[in-house]
Amino acid sequence: MKRIYLFFIAGFLLLLYATTGFVQEKKNKSKRDPFVSLIKEDGHLRTDFTKPSFSPSTEIAGKVSLTGITEIEGKFYALIDGQLVREGDLFRDLIVEKIEANRVILSLGEKKIELRLEKERK
């Protein structure tokens, strides 16, 4: 008789776990993406909650400032937004692909971003 109660309780708990797991999974699908901002770029409240389109060449290149480039022992180093980087380094989410005497090439996946060193104004 005790075995029947144990099987009944175990089956009930298993059924309870399975149903609450499915309910929880369904609830998670209806939640918004936590990485999408509640406020749009124009300052209005977002209602669609889709990820904004991203164009790294225009959005990041305008926000990143190449301050200087130097060569030490045959290797180039660049100063980007106050951070010294070399080829192969990770800067924010970008990989420093190539550093030359007057430009730096950054990559985000397949997209390339070129930063040029501005000449000093006299």
PDB file of N, CA and C in Angstrom:
ATOM      1  N   MET A   1       0.807  -1.195   0.000  1.00  0.00           N
ATOM      2  CA  MET A   1       0.000   0.000   0.000  1.00  0.00           C
ATOM      3  C   MET A   1       0.854   1.265   0.000  1.00  0.00           C
ATOM      4  N   LYS A   2       1.978   1.220   0.767  1.00  0.00           N
ATOM      5  CA  LYS A   2       2.856   2.381   0.817  1.00  0.00           C
ATOM      6  C   LYS A   2       3.494   2.643  -0.540  1.00  0.00           C
ATOM      7  N   ARG A   3       3.763   1.564  -1.300  1.00  0.00           N
ATOM      8  CA  ARG A   3       4.358   1.738  -2.629  1.00  0.00           C
ATOM      9  C   ARG A   3       3.405   2.468  -3.566  1.00  0.00           C
ATOM     10  N   ILE A   4       2.155   2.194  -3.473  1.00  0.00           N
ATOM     11  CA  ILE A   4       1.167   2.864  -4.324  1.00  0.00           C
ATOM     12  C   ILE A   4       1.155   4.353  -4.028  1.00  0.00           C
ATOM     13  N   TYR A   5       1.199   4.712  -2.760  1.00  0.00           N
ATOM     14  CA  TYR A   5       1.233   6.132  -2.395  1.00  0.00           C
ATOM     15  C   TYR A   5       2.524   6.800  -2.890  1.00  0.00           C
ATOM     16  N   LEU A   6       3.632   6.100  -2.780  1.00  0.00           N
ATOM     17  CA  LEU A   6       4.896   6.661  -3.254  1.00  0.00           C
ATOM     18  C   LEU A   6       4.867   6.866  -4.764  1.00  0.00           C
ATOM     19  N   PHE A   7       4.358   5.879  -5.517  1.00  0.00           N
ATOM     20  CA  PHE A   7       4.242   6.037  -6.959  1.00  0.00           C
ATOM     21  C   PHE A   7       3.276   7.166  -7.309  1.00  0.00           C
ATOM     22  N   PHE A   8       2.193   7.279  -6.590  1.00  0.00           N
ATOM     23  CA  PHE A   8       1.215   8.333  -6.816  1.00  0.00           C
ATOM     24  C   PHE A   8       1.844   9.707  -6.569  1.00  0.00           C
ATOM     25  N   ILE A   9       2.574   9.848  -5.474  1.00  0.00           N
ATOM     26  CA  ILE A   9       3.207  11.126  -5.141  1.00  0.00           C
ATOM     27  C   ILE A   9       4.303  11.456  -6.164  1.00  0.00           C
ATOM     28  N   ALA A  10       5.105  10.445  -6.518  1.00  0.00           N
ATOM     29  CA  ALA A  10       6.166  10.673  -7.505  1.00  0.00           C
ATOM     30  C   ALA A  10       5.575  11.063  -8.856  1.00  0.00           C
ATOM     31  N   GLY A  11       4.535  10.406  -9.285  1.00  0.00           N
ATOM     32  CA  GLY A  11       3.873  10.749 -10.546  1.00  0.00           C
ATOM     33  C   GLY A  11       3.270  12.138 -10.506  1.00  0.00           C
ATOM     34  N   PHE A  12       2.655  12.480  -9.394  1.00  0.00           N
ATOM     35  CA  PHE A  12       2.069  13.807  -9.239  1.00  0.00           C
ATOM     36  C   PHE A  12       3.148  14.889  -9.305  1.00  0.00           C
ATOM     37  N   LEU A  13       4.257  14.680  -8.614  1.00  0.00           N
ATOM     38  CA  LEU A  13       5.353  15.657  -8.645  1.00  0.00           C
ATOM     39  C   LEU A  13       5.957  15.784 -10.034  1.00  0.00           C
ATOM     40  N   LEU A  14       6.103  14.670 -10.721  1.00  0.00           N
ATOM     41  CA  LEU A  14       6.620  14.687 -12.079  1.00  0.00           C
ATOM     42  C   LEU A  14       5.678  15.450 -13.013  1.00  0.00           C
ATOM     43  N   LEU A  15       4.393  15.197 -12.891  1.00  0.00           N
ATOM     44  CA  LEU A  15       3.399  15.907 -13.683  1.00  0.00           C
ATOM     45  C   LEU A  15       3.397  17.396 -13.363  1.00  0.00           C
ATOM     46  N   LEU A  16       3.498  17.732 -12.108  1.00  0.00           N
ATOM     47  CA  LEU A  16       3.534  19.132 -11.681  1.00  0.00           C
ATOM     48  C   LEU A  16       4.771  19.835 -12.230  1.00  0.00           C
ATOM     49  N   TYR A  17       5.914  19.193 -12.173  1.00  0.00           N
ATOM     50  CA  TYR A  17       7.159  19.768 -12.682  1.00  0.00           C
ATOM     51  C   TYR A  17       7.070  19.978 -14.199  1.00  0.00           C
ATOM     52  N   ALA A  18       6.541  19.001 -14.898  1.00  0.00           N
ATOM     53  CA  ALA A  18       6.456  19.097 -16.353  1.00  0.00           C
ATOM     54  C   ALA A  18       5.533  20.227 -16.781  1.00  0.00           C
ATOM     55  N   THR A  19       4.402  20.375 -16.126  1.00  0.00           N
ATOM     56  CA  THR A  19       3.461  21.426 -16.527  1.00  0.00           C
ATOM     57  C   THR A  19       3.981  22.804 -16.166  1.00  0.00           C
ATOM     58  N   THR A  20       4.603  22.962 -15.023  1.00  0.00           N
ATOM     59  CA  THR A  20       5.130  24.294 -14.668  1.00  0.00           C
ATOM     60  C   THR A  20       6.319  24.648 -15.536  1.00  0.00           C
ATOM     61  N   GLY A  21       7.094  23.669 -15.973  1.00  0.00           N
ATOM     62  CA  GLY A  21       8.214  23.938 -16.869  1.00  0.00           C
ATOM     63  C   GLY A  21       7.733  24.456 -18.209  1.00  0.00           C
ATOM     64  N   PHE A  22       6.656  23.869 -18.749  1.00  0.00           N
ATOM     65  CA  PHE A  22       6.112  24.333 -20.021  1.00  0.00           C
ATOM     66  C   PHE A  22       5.498  25.719 -19.889  1.00  0.00           C
ATOM     67  N   VAL A  23       4.845  25.974 -18.784  1.00  0.00           N
ATOM     68  CA  VAL A  23       4.251  27.299 -18.574  1.00  0.00           C
ATOM     69  C   VAL A  23       5.352  28.340 -18.487  1.00  0.00           C
ATOM     70  N   GLN A  24       6.423  28.046 -17.773  1.00  0.00           N
ATOM     71  CA  GLN A  24       7.532  28.980 -17.644  1.00  0.00           C
ATOM     72  C   GLN A  24       8.180  29.253 -18.997  1.00  0.00           C
ATOM     73  N   GLU A  25       8.343  28.200 -19.812  1.00  0.00           N
ATOM     74  CA  GLU A  25       8.926  28.375 -21.138  1.00  0.00           C
ATOM     75  C   GLU A  25       8.054  29.284 -21.988  1.00  0.00           C
ATOM     76  N   LYS A  26       6.755  29.146 -21.920  1.00  0.00           N
ATOM     77  CA  LYS A  26       5.841  29.976 -22.688  1.00  0.00           C
ATOM     78  C   LYS A  26       5.911  31.427 -22.210  1.00  0.00           C
ATOM     79  N   LYS A  27       6.031  31.645 -20.900  1.00  0.00           N
ATOM     80  CA  LYS A  27       6.122  32.999 -20.368  1.00  0.00           C
ATOM     81  C   LYS A  27       7.378  33.693 -20.853  1.00  0.00           C
ATOM     82  N   ASN A  28       8.506  32.988 -20.909  1.00  0.00           N
ATOM     83  CA  ASN A  28       9.756  33.596 -21.328  1.00  0.00           C
ATOM     84  C   ASN A  28       9.707  34.084 -22.771  1.00  0.00           C
ATOM     85  N   LYS A  29       8.949  33.405 -23.611  1.00  0.00           N
ATOM     86  CA  LYS A  29       8.854  33.815 -25.001  1.00  0.00           C
ATOM     87  C   LYS A  29       8.099  35.129 -25.153  1.00  0.00           C
ATOM     88  N   SER A  30       7.232  35.468 -24.231  1.00  0.00           N
ATOM     89  CA  SER A  30       6.458  36.686 -24.363  1.00  0.00           C
ATOM     90  C   SER A  30       7.154  37.895 -23.760  1.00  0.00           C
ATOM     91  N   LYS A  31       8.273  37.702 -23.063  1.00  0.00           N
ATOM     92  CA  LYS A  31       8.997  38.816 -22.476  1.00  0.00           C
ATOM     93  C   LYS A  31       9.788  39.554 -23.539  1.00  0.00           C
ATOM     94  N   ARG A  32      10.032  40.825 -23.278  1.00  0.00           N
ATOM     95  CA  ARG A  32      10.800  41.617 -24.233  1.00  0.00           C
ATOM     96  C   ARG A  32      12.275  41.313 -24.090  1.00  0.00           C
ATOM     97  N   ASP A  33      13.041  41.633 -25.104  1.00  0.00           N
ATOM     98  CA  ASP A  33      14.480  41.444 -25.082  1.00  0.00           C
ATOM     99  C   ASP A  33      15.087  42.458 -24.106  1.00  0.00           C
ATOM    100  N   PRO A  34      15.790  42.019 -23.071  1.00  0.00           N
ATOM    101  CA  PRO A  34      16.307  42.959 -22.082  1.00  0.00           C
ATOM    102  C   PRO A  34      17.427  43.848 -22.614  1.00  0.00           C
ATOM    103  N   PHE A  35      17.990  43.531 -23.776  1.00  0.00           N
ATOM    104  CA  PHE A  35      19.071  44.331 -24.335  1.00  0.00           C
ATOM    105  C   PHE A  35      18.559  45.419 -25.278  1.00  0.00           C
ATOM    106  N   VAL A  36      17.267  45.473 -25.491  1.00  0.00           N
ATOM    107  CA  VAL A  36      16.688  46.521 -26.306  1.00  0.00           C
ATOM    108  C   VAL A  36      16.243  47.637 -25.378  1.00  0.00           C
ATOM    109  N   SER A  37      16.703  48.836 -25.663  1.00  0.00           N
ATOM    110  CA  SER A  37      16.397  49.990 -24.828  1.00  0.00           C
ATOM    111  C   SER A  37      14.907  50.313 -24.865  1.00  0.00           C
ATOM    112  N   LEU A  38      14.387  50.806 -23.745  1.00  0.00           N
ATOM    113  CA  LEU A  38      12.979  51.203 -23.687  1.00  0.00           C
ATOM    114  C   LEU A  38      12.743  52.528 -24.399  1.00  0.00           C
ATOM    115  N   ILE A  39      13.805  53.289 -24.616  1.00  0.00           N
ATOM    116  CA  ILE A  39      13.684  54.599 -25.255  1.00  0.00           C
ATOM    117  C   ILE A  39      14.408  54.557 -26.597  1.00  0.00           C
ATOM    118  N   LYS A  40      13.727  55.024 -27.640  1.00  0.00           N
ATOM    119  CA  LYS A  40      14.315  55.052 -28.978  1.00  0.00           C
ATOM    120  C   LYS A  40      15.373  56.145 -29.064  1.00  0.00           C
ATOM    121  N   GLU A  41      16.103  56.159 -30.183  1.00  0.00           N
ATOM    122  CA  GLU A  41      17.143  57.148 -30.401  1.00  0.00           C
ATOM    123  C   GLU A  41      16.586  58.569 -30.436  1.00  0.00           C
ATOM    124  N   ASP A  42      15.332  58.723 -30.859  1.00  0.00           N
ATOM    125  CA  ASP A  42      14.734  60.053 -30.933  1.00  0.00           C
ATOM    126  C   ASP A  42      14.137  60.513 -29.602  1.00  0.00           C
ATOM    127  N   GLY A  43      14.234  59.685 -28.556  1.00  0.00           N
ATOM    128  CA  GLY A  43      13.774  60.076 -27.223  1.00  0.00           C
ATOM    129  C   GLY A  43      12.370  59.606 -26.877  1.00  0.00           C
ATOM    130  N   HIS A  44      11.664  58.994 -27.809  1.00  0.00           N
ATOM    131  CA  HIS A  44      10.308  58.507 -27.556  1.00  0.00           C
ATOM    132  C   HIS A  44      10.339  57.090 -26.995  1.00  0.00           C
ATOM    133  N   LEU A  45       9.264  56.706 -26.321  1.00  0.00           N
ATOM    134  CA  LEU A  45       9.154  55.379 -25.741  1.00  0.00           C
ATOM    135  C   LEU A  45       8.991  54.331 -26.831  1.00  0.00           C
ATOM    136  N   ARG A  46       9.761  53.271 -26.751  1.00  0.00           N
ATOM    137  CA  ARG A  46       9.715  52.202 -27.736  1.00  0.00           C
ATOM    138  C   ARG A  46       8.474  51.333 -27.496  1.00  0.00           C
ATOM    139  N   THR A  47       7.803  50.937 -28.570  1.00  0.00           N
ATOM    140  CA  THR A  47       6.632  50.062 -28.451  1.00  0.00           C
ATOM    141  C   THR A  47       6.825  48.745 -29.189  1.00  0.00           C
ATOM    142  N   ASP A  48       7.763  48.695 -30.139  1.00  0.00           N
ATOM    143  CA  ASP A  48       7.922  47.484 -30.939  1.00  0.00           C
ATOM    144  C   ASP A  48       8.915  46.490 -30.338  1.00  0.00           C
ATOM    145  N   PHE A  49       9.892  46.928 -29.592  1.00  0.00           N
ATOM    146  CA  PHE A  49      10.877  46.091 -28.918  1.00  0.00           C
ATOM    147  C   PHE A  49      11.659  45.181 -29.849  1.00  0.00           C
ATOM    148  N   THR A  50      11.857  45.596 -31.071  1.00  0.00           N
ATOM    149  CA  THR A  50      12.735  44.849 -31.962  1.00  0.00           C
ATOM    150  C   THR A  50      14.122  45.461 -31.872  1.00  0.00           C
ATOM    151  N   LYS A  51      15.120  44.649 -32.146  1.00  0.00           N
ATOM    152  CA  LYS A  51      16.470  45.173 -32.072  1.00  0.00           C
ATOM    153  C   LYS A  51      16.683  46.203 -33.165  1.00  0.00           C
ATOM    154  N   PRO A  52      17.303  47.330 -32.836  1.00  0.00           N
ATOM    155  CA  PRO A  52      17.534  48.354 -33.850  1.00  0.00           C
ATOM    156  C   PRO A  52      18.567  47.884 -34.864  1.00  0.00           C
ATOM    157  N   SER A  53      18.444  48.405 -36.072  1.00  0.00           N
ATOM    158  CA  SER A  53      19.422  48.050 -37.092  1.00  0.00           C
ATOM    159  C   SER A  53      20.762  48.661 -36.704  1.00  0.00           C
ATOM    160  N   PHE A  54      21.821  47.999 -37.084  1.00  0.00           N
ATOM    161  CA  PHE A  54      23.148  48.414 -36.668  1.00  0.00           C
ATOM    162  C   PHE A  54      24.053  48.522 -37.869  1.00  0.00           C
ATOM    163  N   SER A  55      24.610  49.667 -38.052  1.00  0.00           N
ATOM    164  CA  SER A  55      25.568  49.882 -39.118  1.00  0.00           C
ATOM    165  C   SER A  55      26.882  50.333 -38.486  1.00  0.00           C
ATOM    166  N   PRO A  56      27.813  49.426 -38.275  1.00  0.00           N
ATOM    167  CA  PRO A  56      29.016  49.784 -37.539  1.00  0.00           C
ATOM    168  C   PRO A  56      29.857  50.856 -38.195  1.00  0.00           C
ATOM    169  N   SER A  57      29.866  50.894 -39.517  1.00  0.00           N
ATOM    170  CA  SER A  57      30.717  51.876 -40.178  1.00  0.00           C
ATOM    171  C   SER A  57      30.237  53.292 -39.921  1.00  0.00           C
ATOM    172  N   THR A  58      28.949  53.520 -39.783  1.00  0.00           N
ATOM    173  CA  THR A  58      28.463  54.871 -39.544  1.00  0.00           C
ATOM    174  C   THR A  58      28.303  55.167 -38.066  1.00  0.00           C
ATOM    175  N   GLU A  59      27.785  54.221 -37.286  1.00  0.00           N
ATOM    176  CA  GLU A  59      27.513  54.483 -35.881  1.00  0.00           C
ATOM    177  C   GLU A  59      28.770  54.491 -35.037  1.00  0.00           C
ATOM    178  N   ILE A  60      29.678  53.560 -35.272  1.00  0.00           N
ATOM    179  CA  ILE A  60      30.870  53.485 -34.438  1.00  0.00           C
ATOM    180  C   ILE A  60      31.942  54.446 -34.922  1.00  0.00           C
ATOM    181  N   ALA A  61      32.128  54.559 -36.215  1.00  0.00           N
ATOM    182  CA  ALA A  61      33.185  55.429 -36.724  1.00  0.00           C
ATOM    183  C   ALA A  61      32.970  56.871 -36.289  1.00  0.00           C
ATOM    184  N   GLY A  62      31.725  57.295 -36.144  1.00  0.00           N
ATOM    185  CA  GLY A  62      31.454  58.651 -35.694  1.00  0.00           C
ATOM    186  C   GLY A  62      31.700  58.833 -34.212  1.00  0.00           C
ATOM    187  N   LYS A  63      31.702  57.752 -33.432  1.00  0.00           N
ATOM    188  CA  LYS A  63      31.869  57.829 -31.990  1.00  0.00           C
ATOM    189  C   LYS A  63      33.289  57.499 -31.539  1.00  0.00           C
ATOM    190  N   VAL A  64      34.116  56.973 -32.423  1.00  0.00           N
ATOM    191  CA  VAL A  64      35.471  56.572 -32.082  1.00  0.00           C
ATOM    192  C   VAL A  64      36.437  57.614 -32.614  1.00  0.00           C
ATOM    193  N   SER A  65      37.402  57.987 -31.770  1.00  0.00           N
ATOM    194  CA  SER A  65      38.351  59.022 -32.156  1.00  0.00           C
ATOM    195  C   SER A  65      39.768  58.459 -32.176  1.00  0.00           C
ATOM    196  N   LEU A  66      40.383  58.505 -33.323  1.00  0.00           N
ATOM    197  CA  LEU A  66      41.779  58.089 -33.463  1.00  0.00           C
ATOM    198  C   LEU A  66      42.649  59.289 -33.152  1.00  0.00           C
ATOM    199  N   THR A  67      43.405  59.202 -32.052  1.00  0.00           N
ATOM    200  CA  THR A  67      44.202  60.330 -31.590  1.00  0.00           C
ATOM    201  C   THR A  67      45.606  60.311 -32.157  1.00  0.00           C
ATOM    202  N   GLY A  68      46.223  59.140 -32.195  1.00  0.00           N
ATOM    203  CA  GLY A  68      47.589  59.080 -32.691  1.00  0.00           C
ATOM    204  C   GLY A  68      48.023  57.678 -33.024  1.00  0.00           C
ATOM    205  N   ILE A  69      49.115  57.599 -33.800  1.00  0.00           N
ATOM    206  CA  ILE A  69      49.715  56.326 -34.171  1.00  0.00           C
ATOM    207  C   ILE A  69      51.220  56.466 -33.967  1.00  0.00           C
ATOM    208  N   THR A  70      51.820  55.451 -33.385  1.00  0.00           N
ATOM    209  CA  THR A  70      53.265  55.470 -33.176  1.00  0.00           C
ATOM    210  C   THR A  70      53.850  54.120 -33.554  1.00  0.00           C
ATOM    211  N   GLU A  71      55.134  54.130 -33.854  1.00  0.00           N
ATOM    212  CA  GLU A  71      55.832  52.896 -34.195  1.00  0.00           C
ATOM    213  C   GLU A  71      56.923  52.661 -33.164  1.00  0.00           C
ATOM    214  N   ILE A  72      56.876  51.504 -32.508  1.00  0.00           N
ATOM    215  CA  ILE A  72      57.868  51.155 -31.503  1.00  0.00           C
ATOM    216  C   ILE A  72      58.462  49.802 -31.887  1.00  0.00           C
ATOM    217  N   GLU A  73      59.764  49.793 -32.106  1.00  0.00           N
ATOM    218  CA  GLU A  73      60.487  48.578 -32.483  1.00  0.00           C
ATOM    219  C   GLU A  73      59.844  47.847 -33.659  1.00  0.00           C
ATOM    220  N   GLY A  74      59.461  48.593 -34.657  1.00  0.00           N
ATOM    221  CA  GLY A  74      58.909  48.013 -35.875  1.00  0.00           C
ATOM    222  C   GLY A  74      57.439  47.642 -35.821  1.00  0.00           C
ATOM    223  N   LYS A  75      56.761  47.888 -34.691  1.00  0.00           N
ATOM    224  CA  LYS A  75      55.330  47.585 -34.577  1.00  0.00           C
ATOM    225  C   LYS A  75      54.555  48.880 -34.358  1.00  0.00           C
ATOM    226  N   PHE A  76      53.401  48.956 -35.049  1.00  0.00           N
ATOM    227  CA  PHE A  76      52.560  50.137 -34.908  1.00  0.00           C
ATOM    228  C   PHE A  76      51.585  49.977 -33.746  1.00  0.00           C
ATOM    229  N   TYR A  77      51.371  51.056 -33.025  1.00  0.00           N
ATOM    230  CA  TYR A  77      50.394  51.138 -31.943  1.00  0.00           C
ATOM    231  C   TYR A  77      49.522  52.354 -32.213  1.00  0.00           C
ATOM    232  N   ALA A  78      48.252  52.258 -31.846  1.00  0.00           N
ATOM    233  CA  ALA A  78      47.331  53.374 -32.067  1.00  0.00           C
ATOM    234  C   ALA A  78      46.686  53.774 -30.750  1.00  0.00           C
ATOM    235  N   LEU A  79      46.398  55.052 -30.636  1.00  0.00           N
ATOM    236  CA  LEU A  79      45.693  55.583 -29.470  1.00  0.00           C
ATOM    237  C   LEU A  79      44.273  55.917 -29.921  1.00  0.00           C
ATOM    238  N   ILE A  80      43.320  55.068 -29.495  1.00  0.00           N
ATOM    239  CA  ILE A  80      41.916  55.240 -29.881  1.00  0.00           C
ATOM    240  C   ILE A  80      41.119  55.508 -28.608  1.00  0.00           C
ATOM    241  N   ASP A  81      40.474  56.638 -28.547  1.00  0.00           N
ATOM    242  CA  ASP A  81      39.688  57.042 -27.374  1.00  0.00           C
ATOM    243  C   ASP A  81      40.473  56.880 -26.073  1.00  0.00           C
ATOM    244  N   GLY A  82      41.745  57.249 -26.111  1.00  0.00           N
ATOM    245  CA  GLY A  82      42.567  57.187 -24.913  1.00  0.00           C
ATOM    246  C   GLY A  82      43.093  55.815 -24.560  1.00  0.00           C
ATOM    247  N   GLN A  83      42.846  54.817 -25.396  1.00  0.00           N
ATOM    248  CA  GLN A  83      43.305  53.452 -25.128  1.00  0.00           C
ATOM    249  C   GLN A  83      44.357  53.070 -26.165  1.00  0.00           C
ATOM    250  N   LEU A  84      45.509  52.598 -25.692  1.00  0.00           N
ATOM    251  CA  LEU A  84      46.576  52.162 -26.573  1.00  0.00           C
ATOM    252  C   LEU A  84      46.284  50.745 -27.054  1.00  0.00           C
ATOM    253  N   VAL A  85      46.221  50.554 -28.369  1.00  0.00           N
ATOM    254  CA  VAL A  85      45.906  49.241 -28.939  1.00  0.00           C
ATOM    255  C   VAL A  85      46.958  48.865 -29.972  1.00  0.00           C
ATOM    256  N   ARG A  86      47.057  47.576 -30.240  1.00  0.00           N
ATOM    257  CA  ARG A  86      47.938  47.072 -31.292  1.00  0.00           C
ATOM    258  C   ARG A  86      47.140  46.089 -32.145  1.00  0.00           C
ATOM    259  N   GLU A  87      47.724  45.642 -33.236  1.00  0.00           N
ATOM    260  CA  GLU A  87      47.024  44.723 -34.133  1.00  0.00           C
ATOM    261  C   GLU A  87      46.636  43.454 -33.388  1.00  0.00           C
ATOM    262  N   GLY A  88      45.394  43.022 -33.577  1.00  0.00           N
ATOM    263  CA  GLY A  88      44.882  41.822 -32.936  1.00  0.00           C
ATOM    264  C   GLY A  88      44.147  42.089 -31.625  1.00  0.00           C
ATOM    265  N   ASP A  89      44.273  43.304 -31.088  1.00  0.00           N
ATOM    266  CA  ASP A  89      43.580  43.640 -29.832  1.00  0.00           C
ATOM    267  C   ASP A  89      42.088  43.795 -30.057  1.00  0.00           C
ATOM    268  N   LEU A  90      41.336  43.622 -28.979  1.00  0.00           N
ATOM    269  CA  LEU A  90      39.891  43.831 -29.004  1.00  0.00           C
ATOM    270  C   LEU A  90      39.611  45.192 -28.393  1.00  0.00           C
ATOM    271  N   PHE A  91      39.012  46.085 -29.158  1.00  0.00           N
ATOM    272  CA  PHE A  91      38.646  47.426 -28.696  1.00  0.00           C
ATOM    273  C   PHE A  91      37.128  47.516 -28.743  1.00  0.00           C
ATOM    274  N   ARG A  92      36.518  47.605 -27.561  1.00  0.00           N
ATOM    275  CA  ARG A  92      35.071  47.495 -27.400  1.00  0.00           C
ATOM    276  C   ARG A  92      34.644  46.157 -28.017  1.00  0.00           C
ATOM    277  N   ASP A  93      33.836  46.150 -29.058  1.00  0.00           N
ATOM    278  CA  ASP A  93      33.457  44.900 -29.719  1.00  0.00           C
ATOM    279  C   ASP A  93      34.163  44.744 -31.060  1.00  0.00           C
ATOM    280  N   LEU A  94      35.170  45.551 -31.309  1.00  0.00           N
ATOM    281  CA  LEU A  94      35.852  45.582 -32.594  1.00  0.00           C
ATOM    282  C   LEU A  94      37.238  44.963 -32.473  1.00  0.00           C
ATOM    283  N   ILE A  95      37.679  44.326 -33.532  1.00  0.00           N
ATOM    284  CA  ILE A  95      39.025  43.765 -33.578  1.00  0.00           C
ATOM    285  C   ILE A  95      39.903  44.726 -34.374  1.00  0.00           C
ATOM    286  N   VAL A  96      41.071  45.036 -33.834  1.00  0.00           N
ATOM    287  CA  VAL A  96      42.028  45.892 -34.539  1.00  0.00           C
ATOM    288  C   VAL A  96      42.726  45.018 -35.571  1.00  0.00           C
ATOM    289  N   GLU A  97      42.337  45.172 -36.833  1.00  0.00           N
ATOM    290  CA  GLU A  97      42.864  44.334 -37.916  1.00  0.00           C
ATOM    291  C   GLU A  97      44.254  44.779 -38.351  1.00  0.00           C
ATOM    292  N   LYS A  98      44.396  46.080 -38.634  1.00  0.00           N
ATOM    293  CA  LYS A  98      45.645  46.579 -39.221  1.00  0.00           C
ATOM    294  C   LYS A  98      45.882  48.003 -38.741  1.00  0.00           C
ATOM    295  N   ILE A  99      47.135  48.307 -38.414  1.00  0.00           N
ATOM    296  CA  ILE A  99      47.535  49.666 -38.069  1.00  0.00           C
ATOM    297  C   ILE A  99      48.647  50.057 -39.029  1.00  0.00           C
ATOM    298  N   GLU A 100      48.439  51.164 -39.709  1.00  0.00           N
ATOM    299  CA  GLU A 100      49.441  51.690 -40.632  1.00  0.00           C
ATOM    300  C   GLU A 100      49.859  53.072 -40.146  1.00  0.00           C
ATOM    301  N   ALA A 101      50.731  53.731 -40.871  1.00  0.00           N
ATOM    302  CA  ALA A 101      51.280  55.015 -40.441  1.00  0.00           C
ATOM    303  C   ALA A 101      50.214  56.106 -40.288  1.00  0.00           C
ATOM    304  N   ASN A 102      49.137  56.040 -41.073  1.00  0.00           N
ATOM    305  CA  ASN A 102      48.129  57.104 -41.001  1.00  0.00           C
ATOM    306  C   ASN A 102      46.687  56.599 -40.891  1.00  0.00           C
ATOM    307  N   ARG A 103      46.494  55.290 -40.696  1.00  0.00           N
ATOM    308  CA  ARG A 103      45.130  54.768 -40.574  1.00  0.00           C
ATOM    309  C   ARG A 103      45.100  53.476 -39.761  1.00  0.00           C
ATOM    310  N   VAL A 104      43.897  53.187 -39.251  1.00  0.00           N
ATOM    311  CA  VAL A 104      43.645  51.964 -38.492  1.00  0.00           C
ATOM    312  C   VAL A 104      42.419  51.305 -39.093  1.00  0.00           C
ATOM    313  N   ILE A 105      42.470  49.989 -39.271  1.00  0.00           N
ATOM    314  CA  ILE A 105      41.321  49.260 -39.793  1.00  0.00           C
ATOM    315  C   ILE A 105      40.795  48.369 -38.673  1.00  0.00           C
ATOM    316  N   LEU A 106      39.524  48.580 -38.330  1.00  0.00           N
ATOM    317  CA  LEU A 106      38.837  47.797 -37.312  1.00  0.00           C
ATOM    318  C   LEU A 106      37.820  46.914 -38.004  1.00  0.00           C
ATOM    319  N   SER A 107      37.483  45.779 -37.392  1.00  0.00           N
ATOM    320  CA  SER A 107      36.483  44.910 -38.007  1.00  0.00           C
ATOM    321  C   SER A 107      35.470  44.456 -36.968  1.00  0.00           C
ATOM    322  N   LEU A 108      34.256  44.308 -37.457  1.00  0.00           N
ATOM    323  CA  LEU A 108      33.164  43.740 -36.679  1.00  0.00           C
ATOM    324  C   LEU A 108      32.529  42.694 -37.570  1.00  0.00           C
ATOM    325  N   GLY A 109      32.948  41.448 -37.413  1.00  0.00           N
ATOM    326  CA  GLY A 109      32.482  40.391 -38.302  1.00  0.00           C
ATOM    327  C   GLY A 109      33.052  40.610 -39.690  1.00  0.00           C
ATOM    328  N   GLU A 110      32.191  40.696 -40.666  1.00  0.00           N
ATOM    329  CA  GLU A 110      32.606  40.904 -42.051  1.00  0.00           C
ATOM    330  C   GLU A 110      32.800  42.386 -42.387  1.00  0.00           C
ATOM    331  N   LYS A 111      32.285  43.275 -41.546  1.00  0.00           N
ATOM    332  CA  LYS A 111      32.334  44.711 -41.844  1.00  0.00           C
ATOM    333  C   LYS A 111      33.645  45.313 -41.356  1.00  0.00           C
ATOM    334  N   LYS A 112      34.198  46.186 -42.159  1.00  0.00           N
ATOM    335  CA  LYS A 112      35.458  46.859 -41.854  1.00  0.00           C
ATOM    336  C   LYS A 112      35.191  48.349 -41.637  1.00  0.00           C
ATOM    337  N   ILE A 113      35.911  48.906 -40.674  1.00  0.00           N
ATOM    338  CA  ILE A 113      35.810  50.333 -40.377  1.00  0.00           C
ATOM    339  C   ILE A 113      37.207  50.910 -40.464  1.00  0.00           C
ATOM    340  N   GLU A 114      37.345  51.981 -41.226  1.00  0.00           N
ATOM    341  CA  GLU A 114      38.650  52.608 -41.386  1.00  0.00           C
ATOM    342  C   GLU A 114      38.656  53.945 -40.658  1.00  0.00           C
ATOM    343  N   LEU A 115      39.641  54.113 -39.781  1.00  0.00           N
ATOM    344  CA  LEU A 115      39.839  55.383 -39.090  1.00  0.00           C
ATOM    345  C   LEU A 115      41.114  56.006 -39.631  1.00  0.00           C
ATOM    346  N   ARG A 116      41.012  57.254 -40.060  1.00  0.00           N
ATOM    347  CA  ARG A 116      42.186  57.941 -40.602  1.00  0.00           C
ATOM    348  C   ARG A 116      42.661  58.976 -39.599  1.00  0.00           C
ATOM    349  N   LEU A 117      43.962  59.143 -39.551  1.00  0.00           N
ATOM    350  CA  LEU A 117      44.573  60.144 -38.687  1.00  0.00           C
ATOM    351  C   LEU A 117      44.495  61.476 -39.401  1.00  0.00           C
ATOM    352  N   GLU A 118      43.875  62.443 -38.765  1.00  0.00           N
ATOM    353  CA  GLU A 118      43.745  63.773 -39.376  1.00  0.00           C
ATOM    354  C   GLU A 118      45.080  64.491 -39.300  1.00  0.00           C
ATOM    355  N   LYS A 119      45.385  65.210 -40.353  1.00  0.00           N
ATOM    356  CA  LYS A 119      46.628  65.986 -40.367  1.00  0.00           C
ATOM    357  C   LYS A 119      46.445  67.216 -39.489  1.00  0.00           C
ATOM    358  N   GLU A 120      47.528  67.636 -38.838  1.00  0.00           N
ATOM    359  CA  GLU A 120      47.458  68.819 -37.994  1.00  0.00           C
ATOM    360  C   GLU A 120      47.203  70.051 -38.838  1.00  0.00           C
ATOM    361  N   ARG A 121      46.364  70.925 -38.330  1.00  0.00           N
ATOM    362  CA  ARG A 121      46.067  72.181 -39.028  1.00  0.00           C
ATOM    363  C   ARG A 121      47.091  73.219 -38.611  1.00  0.00           C
ATOM    364  N   LYS A 122      47.619  73.918 -39.591  1.00  0.00           N
ATOM    365  CA  LYS A 122      48.641  74.947 -39.291  1.00  0.00           C
ATOM    366  C   LYS A 122      48.060  76.329 -39.353  1.00  0.00           C
TER     367      LYS A 122
END
